[in-house]
Amino acid sequence: ARNAVGAVRLAEQGAFASPSALDGEAGLFASLRKRQAAAEVELFRGTPEILAVYHKPVPACNFAQTPAQAALRIARETKIGPERIAAIRVRVSRAGALYPGCDSSGPFAHILQAKMSIQYNVAAALIEGGVTEKNFDLLNDARLQRLIGLTTLLIDDAMTQAYPGKQGGEVEVTDTAGATHRARLDDVVNASAEDVRARFRAATEQAMGASRAREIENFIDNLEH
């Protein structure tokens, strides 16, 4: 949005750019050997692709979203404590398992490493019973290290075939009594607009207080005015 406003203001001042930057002889399409595809592009036809963009429900890598959500479902439905967990099996698509950083059991020196790891996000969700930034305070937590050590990451054929149209994930937890708790999601559940607002309010109120948080939210809501 900022780039768009900047482009309009520059144009108003007389600035101009190459009209063939995308589809010209030396344009982007040519550099990718896709120049012929430019003829197939139809502007403003159908639903804009930007509307397919979604907000992540988990503040982590895209491939960690669904497994973390499945783990959260188990944590909330069973109330199982981390000390009662004996084994964890996580199933994802081949793309998720092979993406750099996603199949990682640590050690985690930086938060970004934890955000990429499927194992970390599943274990943290089971411990915290939530999927917030608070989960990344557990880098050196003994409970988390133990759960990651009990975790096996597996490639699921059905999820692999469904990807990228759908991004499935499954978590199976065996407790110390031998009972198995399983949650499988065929696709990631996107964060709703209200989820985004609630997350914003929680973070802002903690940092600045409820009154200032309301002022900022109101300012954003009326930004175009």
Protein backbone atom coordinates (compact mmCIF):
# COMPACT_ATOMS: atom_id res chain seq x y z
CA ALA A 1 0.00 0.00 0.00
CA ARG A 2 2.83 2.39 0.83
CA ASN A 3 4.50 1.69 -2.52
CA ALA A 4 1.24 2.35 -4.35
CA VAL A 5 0.75 5.71 -2.62
CA GLY A 6 4.37 6.60 -3.33
CA ALA A 7 3.98 5.70 -7.01
CA VAL A 8 0.88 7.87 -7.38
CA ARG A 9 2.55 10.84 -5.70
CA LEU A 10 5.64 10.48 -7.90
CA ALA A 11 3.45 10.34 -11.00
CA GLU A 12 1.68 13.49 -9.89
CA GLN A 13 5.07 15.20 -9.79
CA GLY A 14 5.87 14.09 -13.33
CA ALA A 15 7.99 11.02 -12.66
CA PHE A 16 7.73 8.17 -15.16
CA ALA A 17 9.12 4.66 -15.66
CA SER A 18 9.55 2.22 -18.51
CA PRO A 19 6.14 1.01 -19.75
CA SER A 20 7.74 -2.26 -20.83
CA ALA A 21 9.50 -3.12 -17.56
CA LEU A 22 7.43 -6.29 -17.27
CA ASP A 23 6.68 -7.47 -20.79
CA GLY A 24 9.30 -5.70 -22.91
CA GLU A 25 12.35 -7.08 -24.68
CA ALA A 26 14.47 -6.53 -21.55
CA GLY A 27 11.64 -6.86 -19.05
CA LEU A 28 11.01 -9.20 -16.15
CA PHE A 29 9.13 -11.79 -18.21
CA ALA A 30 12.01 -11.98 -20.71
CA SER A 31 14.52 -12.56 -17.92
CA LEU A 32 12.47 -15.56 -16.79
CA ARG A 33 11.84 -16.80 -20.36
CA LYS A 34 8.14 -16.13 -19.86
CA ARG A 35 7.66 -13.28 -22.32
CA GLN A 36 5.04 -15.19 -24.31
CA ALA A 37 2.96 -15.53 -21.16
CA ALA A 38 2.46 -11.76 -21.09
CA ALA A 39 -0.11 -12.05 -23.89
CA GLU A 40 -2.26 -14.25 -21.64
CA VAL A 41 -2.41 -11.72 -18.82
CA GLU A 42 -5.81 -10.06 -18.48
CA LEU A 43 -5.98 -7.20 -16.03
CA PHE A 44 -8.93 -6.79 -13.67
CA ARG A 45 -10.68 -9.98 -14.73
CA GLY A 46 -12.23 -12.11 -12.02
CA THR A 47 -11.43 -11.95 -8.32
CA PRO A 48 -8.15 -10.14 -7.54
CA GLU A 49 -5.44 -12.58 -6.40
CA ILE A 50 -4.59 -10.27 -3.49
CA LEU A 51 -7.80 -11.44 -1.83
CA ALA A 52 -6.35 -14.96 -1.62
CA VAL A 53 -3.72 -13.73 0.82
CA TYR A 54 -4.45 -14.86 4.39
CA HIS A 55 -3.21 -13.97 7.84
CA LYS A 56 -1.20 -16.68 9.56
CA PRO A 57 -2.87 -17.94 12.74
CA VAL A 58 0.54 -19.02 14.10
CA PRO A 59 3.46 -16.55 14.25
CA ALA A 60 5.78 -19.02 12.52
CA CYS A 61 6.73 -20.55 9.16
CA ASN A 62 3.91 -21.28 6.73
CA PHE A 63 4.57 -25.04 6.88
CA ALA A 64 4.37 -25.04 10.70
CA GLN A 65 0.86 -23.55 10.70
CA THR A 66 -1.34 -26.63 10.39
CA PRO A 67 0.71 -28.97 12.63
CA ALA A 68 0.74 -26.30 15.35
CA GLN A 69 -3.02 -25.89 15.02
CA ALA A 70 -3.50 -29.65 15.31
CA ALA A 71 -1.28 -29.72 18.41
CA LEU A 72 -3.25 -26.84 19.90
CA ARG A 73 -6.48 -28.75 19.39
CA ILE A 74 -5.06 -31.73 21.28
CA ALA A 75 -3.78 -29.51 24.08
CA ARG A 76 -7.15 -27.82 24.54
CA GLU A 77 -9.32 -30.92 24.20
CA THR A 78 -7.25 -33.28 26.36
CA LYS A 79 -5.58 -30.88 28.83
CA ILE A 80 -2.65 -33.27 28.74
CA GLY A 81 0.41 -31.96 30.59
CA PRO A 82 3.80 -32.16 28.85
CA GLU A 83 5.08 -34.49 31.58
CA ARG A 84 2.45 -37.07 30.56
CA ILE A 85 3.48 -37.19 26.90
CA ALA A 86 5.43 -40.28 25.83
CA ALA A 87 5.60 -39.88 22.03
CA ILE A 88 4.62 -37.42 19.30
CA ARG A 89 4.18 -38.16 15.59
CA VAL A 90 3.70 -35.29 13.16
CA ARG A 91 2.58 -35.78 9.55
CA VAL A 92 2.93 -33.09 6.89
CA SER A 93 3.31 -32.83 3.13
CA ARG A 94 6.63 -33.61 1.47
CA ALA A 95 7.04 -29.90 0.68
CA GLY A 96 6.72 -29.04 4.36
CA ALA A 97 9.09 -31.73 5.58
CA LEU A 98 11.80 -30.83 3.06
CA TYR A 99 11.59 -27.04 3.29
CA PRO A 100 14.87 -25.68 4.74
CA GLY A 101 14.65 -25.27 8.49
CA CYS A 102 11.27 -26.95 8.94
CA ASP A 103 12.54 -30.40 9.95
CA SER A 104 14.69 -29.18 12.82
CA SER A 105 15.07 -30.54 16.33
CA GLY A 106 17.47 -27.80 17.44
CA PRO A 107 19.36 -26.60 19.29
CA PHE A 108 17.78 -23.20 18.70
CA ALA A 109 20.15 -20.29 19.10
CA HIS A 110 17.74 -17.76 17.60
CA ILE A 111 13.97 -17.22 17.57
CA LEU A 112 13.90 -17.38 13.75
CA GLN A 113 15.20 -20.96 13.90
CA ALA A 114 12.37 -21.85 16.27
CA LYS A 115 9.79 -20.13 14.05
CA MET A 116 10.89 -22.32 11.13
CA SER A 117 10.87 -25.63 13.02
CA ILE A 118 7.73 -27.79 12.84
CA GLN A 119 8.89 -29.80 15.84
CA TYR A 120 9.40 -26.67 17.95
CA ASN A 121 5.99 -25.20 17.13
CA VAL A 122 4.16 -28.44 17.84
CA ALA A 123 5.94 -28.90 21.18
CA ALA A 124 5.41 -25.28 22.19
CA ALA A 125 1.70 -25.45 21.37
CA LEU A 126 1.33 -28.55 23.53
CA ILE A 127 3.11 -26.83 26.43
CA GLU A 128 1.52 -23.39 26.23
CA GLY A 129 -1.94 -24.37 25.01
CA GLY A 130 -1.69 -21.42 22.62
CA VAL A 131 0.09 -20.16 19.50
CA THR A 132 1.44 -16.71 20.34
CA GLU A 133 4.80 -14.98 20.48
CA LYS A 134 5.03 -16.23 24.06
CA ASN A 135 5.82 -19.68 22.63
CA PHE A 136 9.23 -18.42 21.55
CA ASP A 137 10.33 -17.75 25.12
CA LEU A 138 10.95 -21.52 25.40
CA LEU A 139 14.22 -21.81 23.46
CA ASN A 140 16.07 -23.35 26.41
CA ASP A 141 13.09 -24.85 28.22
CA ALA A 142 13.76 -28.41 29.41
CA ARG A 143 10.13 -29.44 28.83
CA LEU A 144 10.29 -28.30 25.22
CA GLN A 145 13.61 -30.05 24.61
CA ARG A 146 12.15 -33.25 26.00
CA LEU A 147 9.06 -33.12 23.76
CA ILE A 148 11.12 -32.39 20.67
CA GLY A 149 13.22 -35.44 21.50
CA LEU A 150 10.03 -37.52 21.52
CA THR A 151 8.84 -36.18 18.15
CA THR A 152 8.98 -37.99 14.80
CA LEU A 153 8.25 -36.01 11.62
CA LEU A 154 6.68 -38.06 8.82
CA ILE A 155 5.67 -37.36 5.21
CA ASP A 156 1.99 -37.99 4.48
CA ASP A 157 1.19 -39.12 0.91
CA ALA A 158 -2.38 -37.74 0.90
CA MET A 159 -1.23 -34.33 2.12
CA THR A 160 1.54 -34.33 -0.47
CA GLN A 161 -0.96 -34.97 -3.26
CA ALA A 162 -3.33 -32.27 -1.97
CA TYR A 163 -0.57 -29.64 -1.74
CA PRO A 164 -0.44 -26.77 -2.70
CA GLY A 165 -4.22 -26.54 -2.99
CA LYS A 166 -4.47 -27.61 0.62
CA GLN A 167 -1.92 -27.65 3.40
CA GLY A 168 -2.74 -30.47 5.78
CA GLY A 169 -1.18 -31.44 9.06
CA GLU A 170 -1.62 -34.14 11.68
CA VAL A 171 -0.36 -34.59 15.22
CA GLU A 172 -0.63 -37.82 17.17
CA VAL A 173 0.27 -37.80 20.85
CA THR A 174 0.70 -40.95 22.95
CA ASP A 175 0.52 -40.40 26.70
CA THR A 176 2.33 -42.29 29.44
CA ALA A 177 -0.78 -44.43 30.04
CA GLY A 178 -0.67 -45.67 26.44
CA ALA A 179 -3.66 -43.68 25.16
CA THR A 180 -3.37 -41.99 21.75
CA HIS A 181 -4.75 -38.53 20.99
CA ARG A 182 -4.93 -37.50 17.34
CA ALA A 183 -5.89 -34.34 15.45
CA ARG A 184 -5.80 -34.06 11.66
CA LEU A 185 -6.56 -30.95 9.64
CA ASP A 186 -6.94 -31.14 5.86
CA ASP A 187 -6.01 -27.48 5.51
CA VAL A 188 -4.75 -24.56 7.55
CA VAL A 189 -7.45 -22.55 9.33
CA ASN A 190 -6.78 -18.91 8.45
CA ALA A 191 -6.85 -16.19 11.07
CA SER A 192 -10.02 -14.12 10.76
CA ALA A 193 -10.11 -10.33 10.82
CA GLU A 194 -11.28 -10.48 14.43
CA ASP A 195 -8.43 -12.87 15.29
CA VAL A 196 -5.97 -10.32 13.90
CA ARG A 197 -7.58 -7.52 15.92
CA ALA A 198 -7.57 -9.58 19.10
CA ARG A 199 -3.88 -10.41 18.63
CA PHE A 200 -3.12 -6.74 17.97
CA ARG A 201 -5.01 -5.63 21.08
CA ALA A 202 -3.31 -8.17 23.33
CA ALA A 203 0.18 -7.22 22.15
CA THR A 204 -0.44 -3.45 22.18
CA GLU A 205 -2.23 -3.36 25.52
CA GLN A 206 0.62 -5.29 27.11
CA ALA A 207 3.16 -2.79 25.76
CA MET A 208 1.23 0.50 26.02
CA GLY A 209 -1.95 0.00 28.01
CA ALA A 210 -5.60 -0.36 26.97
CA SER A 211 -6.25 3.35 26.39
CA ARG A 212 -3.30 3.84 24.04
CA ALA A 213 -4.13 0.58 22.25
CA ARG A 214 -7.66 1.86 21.49
CA GLU A 215 -6.24 5.15 20.17
CA ILE A 216 -3.90 3.32 17.79
CA GLU A 217 -6.61 0.93 16.57
CA ASN A 218 -8.97 3.86 15.93
CA PHE A 219 -6.23 5.71 14.04
CA ILE A 220 -5.62 2.68 11.81
CA ASP A 221 -9.35 2.19 11.18
CA ASN A 222 -9.61 5.80 9.96
CA LEU A 223 -6.30 5.97 8.15
CA GLU A 224 -7.80 6.90 4.78
CA HIS A 225 -9.39 10.00 6.32
